[in-house]
Amino acid sequence: MKTILNNARLILADRIIERGALEIDNGLISAVHEQPLPPDTPACEDLHGDDLLPGLVEIHTDNLEKHLMPRNGVLWPMLPAVVTHDAQCAAAGITTVLDALAVGDLEGESVRLDTLHTAFAAINLGMEQGVFRANHLFHLRCELAYPGLLQELQPLISHPAVRLVSVMDHTPGQRQYRDIEQYKKYYGKKKVGWNEQTFLQAVSERQRLQQQYAGQHKQAVVELARQHGIPLASHDDTDLSHISEAVLDGVTISEFPTTRAAAQAAREHGLHTVMGAPNVVRGGSHSGNVAALELAQHGLLDILSSDYVPASLLHAAYLLVAQAGWSLPQAIATVSHNPAQAVGLGDRGRIAVGLRADLLQVRPHPAVPLVQQVWNAGRRVF
């Protein structure tokens, strides 16, 4: 079935067609026109001059967690939670989402530990039953200091929908939590009835676990990813030594570097640099680390991730134009082509003949870009 999206501002990879048209046939982009087609053309839909973008590609979101446990201590049924998360992603213009599932947690009792395998199974069931609006894949986030990491990881990593593995170390005193005072603020928000003594005991225990497990676990995870041909990401790189270590491990993506020096080193070694879209929208990091806009202004930003707010992805891309002076095609690439390429999805992420018709109609607005319609392989899903 052919569909024509007419009278749109087409955002291509390297330029903008101010008024053009796009044809969809059998789920693929079959033609791109430099001018609008006559309005009486069969199967023609007028987009009224709105922006037409490639569907957004999200490689790191843990948005699902808030749907799995909408209130502290309240677990929601799995498939309904996943379907709600999926709808929220589609409404934000995300047509491909890598659900980031944490394999291990240093916080003791945790929704992540309780729901890992059931959430994985629910997402898989949703894919098999065709109930999703977006395309779902998996990003397995491996907490290196978690004692049971390998036991939890091994049953999951061979699934064909696993497209990214990241290695994380949230031990206080380094990386994201190199500032112990910042970590204390974070800890205080999550723990009830804590005091200085319990805090110091928690820090000591996490550091002990790191010394015992992190090194051997990292070697095992790197080897498993290599065996399965899955791209590797590092997490919260802080200095040149972290980047050098990542390169030796075969890492190709640096997630959320915490300093400009780390981002610069990642660029020099050819790693894709990922920053949080909420960081852009809020004007800075909630953890006190380097601002994403600072990296963008120095040409050190490749990919944006919505992290915990799906709607931030599109908003942040438009803010790169308004606040960092980027061209719109360059900004949109950070949420479409670049993440798709980083995880080996060469069939999407751009408006070009022969690629998937994953598309997004956006009406620009001074406060926030407004999603009008979303298509997944030519099928309207929002």
Protein backbone atom coordinates (compact mmCIF):
# COMPACT_ATOMS: atom_id res chain seq x y z
CA MET A 1 0.00 0.00 0.00
CA LYS A 2 1.38 3.39 -1.02
CA THR A 3 1.17 6.49 1.18
CA ILE A 4 2.35 9.99 0.24
CA LEU A 5 3.25 12.55 2.90
CA ASN A 6 2.94 15.85 1.09
CA ASN A 7 3.77 19.50 1.67
CA ALA A 8 6.32 18.82 4.40
CA ARG A 9 9.65 20.32 5.39
CA LEU A 10 11.89 17.28 4.95
CA ILE A 11 14.87 17.06 7.29
CA LEU A 12 17.42 14.98 5.40
CA ALA A 13 20.80 13.85 6.70
CA ASP A 14 22.71 16.75 5.13
CA ARG A 15 20.13 19.34 4.07
CA ILE A 16 16.53 20.51 4.32
CA ILE A 17 13.91 20.39 1.57
CA GLU A 18 11.73 23.34 2.53
CA ARG A 19 8.62 22.02 0.77
CA GLY A 20 8.60 18.50 -0.57
CA ALA A 21 6.93 15.12 -0.45
CA LEU A 22 7.80 11.58 0.53
CA GLU A 23 6.36 8.29 -0.72
CA ILE A 24 6.01 5.13 1.38
CA ASP A 25 5.55 1.70 -0.15
CA ASN A 26 5.53 -1.60 1.75
CA GLY A 27 6.98 -0.01 4.87
CA LEU A 28 9.93 1.61 3.09
CA ILE A 29 10.65 5.09 1.77
CA SER A 30 10.20 4.69 -1.99
CA ALA A 31 10.67 8.28 -3.22
CA VAL A 32 11.66 11.74 -1.98
CA HIS A 33 10.42 14.76 -3.95
CA GLU A 34 11.97 18.21 -3.95
CA GLN A 35 8.55 19.84 -4.51
CA PRO A 36 5.05 19.12 -3.19
CA LEU A 37 2.88 16.88 -5.34
CA PRO A 38 -0.55 18.03 -6.56
CA PRO A 39 -2.97 17.85 -3.61
CA ASP A 40 -5.36 15.59 -5.53
CA THR A 41 -2.67 12.90 -5.91
CA PRO A 42 -4.10 9.55 -4.68
CA ALA A 43 -3.14 8.47 -1.11
CA CYS A 44 -1.74 11.95 -0.44
CA GLU A 45 -1.76 13.45 3.07
CA ASP A 46 -1.03 17.15 3.56
CA LEU A 47 1.40 17.82 6.44
CA HIS A 48 0.84 21.60 6.23
CA GLY A 49 4.52 22.51 6.09
CA ASP A 50 5.42 20.71 9.32
CA ASP A 51 8.86 19.17 9.81
CA LEU A 52 9.17 15.55 8.71
CA LEU A 53 11.99 13.75 10.51
CA PRO A 54 13.31 10.20 10.68
CA GLY A 55 11.84 8.33 13.63
CA LEU A 56 13.90 8.75 16.78
CA VAL A 57 16.26 6.00 17.92
CA GLU A 58 16.73 5.66 21.68
CA ILE A 59 19.62 3.47 22.86
CA HIS A 60 19.39 4.02 26.62
CA THR A 61 16.14 4.49 28.49
CA ASP A 62 15.13 3.16 31.88
CA ASN A 63 11.75 4.87 31.62
CA LEU A 64 10.14 1.44 32.04
CA GLU A 65 11.14 1.36 35.71
CA LYS A 66 8.64 4.04 36.73
CA HIS A 67 5.86 2.01 35.10
CA LEU A 68 6.97 -1.22 36.76
CA MET A 69 6.80 0.48 40.15
CA PRO A 70 4.56 3.58 39.84
CA ARG A 71 4.62 4.08 43.61
CA ASN A 72 7.24 2.92 46.09
CA GLY A 73 6.60 -0.71 46.95
CA VAL A 74 3.82 -1.11 44.35
CA LEU A 75 4.66 -3.46 41.47
CA TRP A 76 2.47 -3.11 38.39
CA PRO A 77 1.56 -6.07 36.13
CA MET A 78 4.41 -6.56 33.68
CA LEU A 79 2.91 -6.49 30.21
CA PRO A 80 0.54 -3.57 30.95
CA ALA A 81 3.52 -1.64 32.34
CA VAL A 82 5.59 -2.34 29.23
CA VAL A 83 2.72 -1.39 26.89
CA THR A 84 2.27 1.93 28.71
CA HIS A 85 6.00 2.63 28.47
CA ASP A 86 5.87 1.78 24.77
CA ALA A 87 2.98 4.18 24.16
CA GLN A 88 4.87 6.96 25.93
CA CYS A 89 7.91 6.35 23.73
CA ALA A 90 5.84 6.39 20.54
CA ALA A 91 4.11 9.61 21.59
CA ALA A 92 7.56 11.15 22.02
CA GLY A 93 8.48 10.23 18.43
CA ILE A 94 10.67 7.26 19.34
CA THR A 95 10.25 4.45 16.79
CA THR A 96 13.18 2.30 17.93
CA VAL A 97 13.90 1.90 21.63
CA LEU A 98 16.62 -0.07 23.37
CA ASP A 99 15.12 -0.81 26.76
CA ALA A 100 17.98 -0.43 29.22
CA LEU A 101 17.69 -3.19 31.81
CA ALA A 102 20.10 -3.11 34.74
CA VAL A 103 21.77 -6.45 35.37
CA GLY A 104 22.66 -6.01 39.03
CA ASP A 105 22.31 -3.16 41.49
CA LEU A 106 24.41 -1.99 44.43
CA GLU A 107 21.41 -0.66 46.35
CA GLY A 108 20.40 -3.98 47.93
CA GLU A 109 16.64 -4.46 47.60
CA SER A 110 15.74 -2.90 44.27
CA VAL A 111 13.01 -2.90 41.63
CA ARG A 112 15.79 -3.57 39.13
CA LEU A 113 16.79 -6.80 40.84
CA ASP A 114 13.21 -7.88 41.43
CA THR A 115 11.98 -7.34 37.87
CA LEU A 116 14.93 -7.97 35.52
CA HIS A 117 13.91 -11.36 34.14
CA THR A 118 10.15 -10.78 34.25
CA ALA A 119 10.56 -7.41 32.48
CA PHE A 120 12.79 -9.03 29.86
CA ALA A 121 10.18 -11.75 29.33
CA ALA A 122 7.33 -9.22 29.13
CA ILE A 123 9.12 -7.14 26.48
CA ASN A 124 9.86 -10.30 24.53
CA LEU A 125 6.20 -11.35 24.78
CA GLY A 126 5.07 -7.93 23.57
CA MET A 127 7.36 -8.23 20.56
CA GLU A 128 6.09 -11.73 19.75
CA GLN A 129 2.44 -10.67 20.04
CA GLY A 130 2.89 -7.47 18.03
CA VAL A 131 1.35 -5.19 20.66
CA PHE A 132 3.99 -2.44 20.53
CA ARG A 133 3.90 0.84 18.62
CA ALA A 134 7.70 1.19 18.60
CA ASN A 135 10.39 -1.37 17.79
CA HIS A 136 11.89 -2.74 21.01
CA LEU A 137 15.40 -4.09 21.50
CA PHE A 138 17.52 -4.66 24.60
CA HIS A 139 20.40 -2.79 26.20
CA LEU A 140 21.87 -4.80 29.08
CA ARG A 141 23.53 -2.57 31.68
CA CYS A 142 26.04 -4.64 33.64
CA GLU A 143 26.83 -3.48 37.18
CA LEU A 144 30.36 -4.82 37.54
CA ALA A 145 30.54 -4.85 41.35
CA TYR A 146 27.29 -6.80 41.75
CA PRO A 147 28.18 -10.31 43.00
CA GLY A 148 25.52 -12.15 40.96
CA LEU A 149 26.14 -10.31 37.68
CA LEU A 150 27.25 -13.23 35.51
CA GLN A 151 24.55 -15.55 36.81
CA GLU A 152 21.90 -12.97 35.83
CA LEU A 153 23.50 -12.01 32.51
CA GLN A 154 24.23 -15.36 30.89
CA PRO A 155 20.59 -16.43 30.25
CA LEU A 156 19.87 -13.08 28.54
CA ILE A 157 22.84 -12.11 26.41
CA SER A 158 22.24 -14.64 23.62
CA HIS A 159 18.80 -13.22 22.79
CA PRO A 160 18.87 -11.84 19.22
CA ALA A 161 17.23 -8.57 20.30
CA VAL A 162 20.16 -7.65 22.58
CA ARG A 163 21.85 -4.86 20.63
CA LEU A 164 24.00 -3.17 23.27
CA VAL A 165 25.87 -4.11 26.45
CA SER A 166 27.30 -1.49 28.77
CA VAL A 167 29.72 -1.90 31.67
CA MET A 168 28.97 0.24 34.72
CA ASP A 169 30.61 0.83 38.05
CA HIS A 170 28.58 2.97 40.43
CA THR A 171 30.96 2.49 43.36
CA PRO A 172 31.16 5.76 45.33
CA GLY A 173 34.45 7.63 45.10
CA GLN A 174 34.93 7.41 41.33
CA ARG A 175 33.25 8.10 37.98
CA GLN A 176 29.76 9.58 38.43
CA TYR A 177 30.18 9.54 42.21
CA ARG A 178 33.78 10.72 42.42
CA ASP A 179 32.48 13.53 44.67
CA ILE A 180 31.49 11.73 47.88
CA GLU A 181 29.40 14.71 49.01
CA GLN A 182 27.32 14.47 45.83
CA TYR A 183 26.90 10.76 46.45
CA LYS A 184 25.81 11.48 50.03
CA LYS A 185 23.03 13.73 48.72
CA TYR A 186 21.92 11.00 46.30
CA TYR A 187 22.07 8.35 49.04
CA GLY A 188 20.08 10.51 51.45
CA LYS A 189 17.24 10.88 48.94
CA LYS A 190 16.95 7.11 48.47
CA LYS A 191 17.41 5.91 52.04
CA VAL A 192 15.09 6.53 54.97
CA GLY A 193 16.48 6.79 58.50
CA TRP A 194 20.14 6.88 57.48
CA ASN A 195 22.91 8.65 59.39
CA GLU A 196 26.61 9.31 58.91
CA GLN A 197 27.59 5.92 60.29
CA THR A 198 25.24 3.92 58.03
CA PHE A 199 26.36 6.01 55.06
CA LEU A 200 30.05 5.30 55.69
CA GLN A 201 29.28 1.61 56.17
CA ALA A 202 27.45 1.55 52.82
CA VAL A 203 30.37 3.27 51.05
CA SER A 204 32.84 0.83 52.58
CA GLU A 205 30.76 -2.19 51.54
CA ARG A 206 30.39 -0.95 47.96
CA GLN A 207 34.12 -0.36 47.71
CA ARG A 208 34.79 -3.86 49.04
CA LEU A 209 32.49 -5.38 46.42
CA GLN A 210 34.23 -3.41 43.69
CA GLN A 211 37.64 -4.72 44.71
CA GLN A 212 36.36 -8.29 44.86
CA TYR A 213 34.26 -8.49 41.69
CA ALA A 214 34.61 -5.58 39.25
CA GLY A 215 37.82 -6.62 37.50
CA GLN A 216 36.92 -10.24 36.83
CA HIS A 217 33.35 -9.37 35.91
CA LYS A 218 34.46 -6.80 33.36
CA GLN A 219 36.72 -9.30 31.62
CA ALA A 220 33.86 -11.82 31.45
CA VAL A 221 31.31 -9.29 30.15
CA VAL A 222 33.69 -7.98 27.49
CA GLU A 223 34.34 -11.53 26.30
CA LEU A 224 30.63 -12.43 26.23
CA ALA A 225 29.81 -9.31 24.20
CA ARG A 226 32.63 -10.11 21.79
CA GLN A 227 31.43 -13.71 21.36
CA HIS A 228 27.90 -12.55 20.52
CA GLY A 229 28.95 -9.64 18.30
CA ILE A 230 27.25 -7.05 20.51
CA PRO A 231 28.56 -3.45 20.68
CA LEU A 232 30.02 -2.41 24.04
CA ALA A 233 29.55 0.87 25.86
CA SER A 234 31.46 2.31 28.80
CA HIS A 235 29.62 4.41 31.38
CA ASP A 236 30.44 7.61 33.28
CA ASP A 237 34.00 7.92 31.94
CA THR A 238 35.79 10.60 33.93
CA ASP A 239 39.39 10.80 32.76
CA LEU A 240 41.80 9.68 30.05
CA SER A 241 42.56 6.41 31.83
CA HIS A 242 38.91 5.38 31.63
CA ILE A 243 38.85 6.01 27.88
CA SER A 244 42.14 4.18 27.35
CA GLU A 245 40.77 1.24 29.32
CA ALA A 246 37.56 1.30 27.27
CA VAL A 247 39.46 1.26 23.98
CA LEU A 248 41.47 -1.77 25.11
CA ASP A 249 38.19 -3.53 25.95
CA GLY A 250 36.81 -2.91 22.46
CA VAL A 251 34.27 -0.32 23.60
CA THR A 252 32.79 1.81 20.79
CA ILE A 253 30.38 4.00 22.79
CA SER A 254 31.10 6.27 25.76
CA GLU A 255 27.89 6.83 27.71
CA PHE A 256 27.55 9.99 29.78
CA PRO A 257 31.20 11.04 30.19
CA THR A 258 31.34 13.17 33.31
CA THR A 259 34.08 15.58 32.14
CA ARG A 260 34.99 17.40 28.96
CA ALA A 261 38.44 15.82 29.08
CA ALA A 262 36.90 12.34 28.91
CA ALA A 263 34.63 13.36 26.03
CA GLN A 264 37.60 14.83 24.16
CA ALA A 265 39.57 11.62 24.65
CA ALA A 266 36.59 9.59 23.45
CA ARG A 267 36.44 11.68 20.28
CA GLU A 268 40.17 11.24 19.65
CA HIS A 269 39.78 7.45 19.92
CA GLY A 270 36.74 7.32 17.64
CA LEU A 271 34.15 6.46 20.30
CA HIS A 272 30.56 7.66 19.97
CA THR A 273 29.79 10.04 22.84
CA VAL A 274 26.32 9.80 24.39
CA MET A 275 24.84 12.48 26.64
CA GLY A 276 21.48 12.77 28.34
CA ALA A 277 18.73 14.77 26.68
CA PRO A 278 17.41 15.79 30.14
CA ASN A 279 20.84 17.36 30.72
CA VAL A 280 20.21 19.57 27.65
CA VAL A 281 16.62 20.44 28.55
CA ARG A 282 17.45 21.25 32.19
CA GLY A 283 20.61 23.15 31.29
CA GLY A 284 23.00 20.88 33.17
CA SER A 285 23.66 17.56 34.87
CA HIS A 286 21.58 16.58 37.91
CA SER A 287 24.77 14.98 39.32
CA GLY A 288 26.97 18.05 38.95
CA ASN A 289 28.92 16.64 35.98
CA VAL A 290 29.74 18.30 32.65
CA ALA A 291 26.83 19.91 30.79
CA ALA A 292 25.78 18.31 27.51
CA LEU A 293 25.48 21.74 25.88
CA GLU A 294 29.12 22.44 26.74
CA LEU A 295 30.15 19.29 24.90
CA ALA A 296 27.87 20.21 21.98
CA GLN A 297 29.43 23.66 21.73
CA HIS A 298 32.87 22.03 21.49
CA GLY A 299 31.78 19.45 18.92
CA LEU A 300 32.05 16.53 21.35
CA LEU A 301 28.47 15.24 21.28
CA ASP A 302 27.36 12.44 18.95
CA ILE A 303 24.22 10.90 20.44
CA LEU A 304 21.46 12.02 22.78
CA SER A 305 19.58 9.64 25.07
CA SER A 306 16.28 10.41 26.78
CA ASP A 307 17.48 8.38 29.79
CA TYR A 308 14.47 8.74 32.11
CA VAL A 309 12.24 11.21 30.14
CA PRO A 310 11.22 10.03 26.65
CA ALA A 311 9.84 13.45 25.66
CA SER A 312 13.23 15.05 26.29
CA LEU A 313 14.81 13.43 23.22
CA LEU A 314 13.11 15.50 20.52
CA HIS A 315 13.08 18.63 22.68
CA ALA A 316 16.84 18.43 23.27
CA ALA A 317 17.57 18.01 19.56
CA TYR A 318 15.76 21.26 18.76
CA LEU A 319 17.54 22.97 21.66
CA LEU A 320 20.90 22.08 20.06
CA VAL A 321 19.82 24.33 17.19
CA ALA A 322 18.60 27.16 19.42
CA GLN A 323 21.35 27.08 22.06
CA ALA A 324 24.42 25.45 20.49
CA GLY A 325 24.11 26.84 16.98
CA TRP A 326 23.83 23.45 15.28
CA SER A 327 22.04 22.94 11.99
CA LEU A 328 18.75 21.05 12.27
CA PRO A 329 20.01 18.06 10.23
CA GLN A 330 23.09 17.83 12.48
CA ALA A 331 20.95 18.00 15.63
CA ILE A 332 18.40 15.45 14.41
CA ALA A 333 21.23 13.03 13.58
CA THR A 334 22.03 12.81 17.31
CA VAL A 335 18.62 11.21 17.91
CA SER A 336 18.28 9.17 14.73
CA HIS A 337 21.15 8.32 12.36
CA ASN A 338 24.00 8.40 14.89
CA PRO A 339 22.45 6.09 17.51
CA ALA A 340 21.20 3.75 14.78
CA GLN A 341 24.70 3.46 13.34
CA ALA A 342 26.28 2.99 16.77
CA VAL A 343 24.26 -0.18 17.39
CA GLY A 344 24.37 -1.52 13.84
CA LEU A 345 20.87 -0.56 12.65
CA GLY A 346 21.74 0.58 9.15
CA ASP A 347 18.17 0.30 7.83
CA ARG A 348 16.83 3.35 9.68
CA GLY A 349 17.69 6.75 11.10
CA ARG A 350 17.60 8.83 7.89
CA ILE A 351 15.11 9.96 5.28
CA ALA A 352 16.44 8.18 2.21
CA VAL A 353 15.02 5.88 -0.45
CA GLY A 354 15.18 2.23 0.57
CA LEU A 355 15.27 2.82 4.33
CA ARG A 356 12.48 2.00 6.78
CA ALA A 357 9.63 4.48 6.77
CA ASP A 358 10.05 5.27 10.47
CA LEU A 359 8.95 8.89 10.44
CA LEU A 360 7.86 11.72 12.67
CA GLN A 361 5.77 14.82 11.91
CA VAL A 362 6.71 17.74 14.16
CA ARG A 363 5.18 21.19 14.45
CA PRO A 364 7.83 23.61 15.76
CA HIS A 365 6.78 25.71 18.76
CA PRO A 366 8.77 28.28 20.76
CA ALA A 367 8.42 26.27 23.98
CA VAL A 368 8.67 22.68 22.76
CA PRO A 369 8.42 20.84 19.41
CA LEU A 370 4.98 19.26 19.09
CA VAL A 371 4.68 15.69 17.83
CA GLN A 372 1.76 15.43 15.39
CA GLN A 373 2.07 11.94 13.90
CA VAL A 374 4.46 8.99 14.06
CA TRP A 375 4.90 6.15 11.56
CA ASN A 376 6.64 2.83 12.19
CA ALA A 377 7.54 1.13 8.89
CA GLY A 378 4.83 3.20 7.23
CA ARG A 379 2.15 2.31 9.79
CA ARG A 380 0.79 5.21 11.77
CA VAL A 381 1.31 4.50 15.48
CA PHE A 382 0.55 7.95 16.92
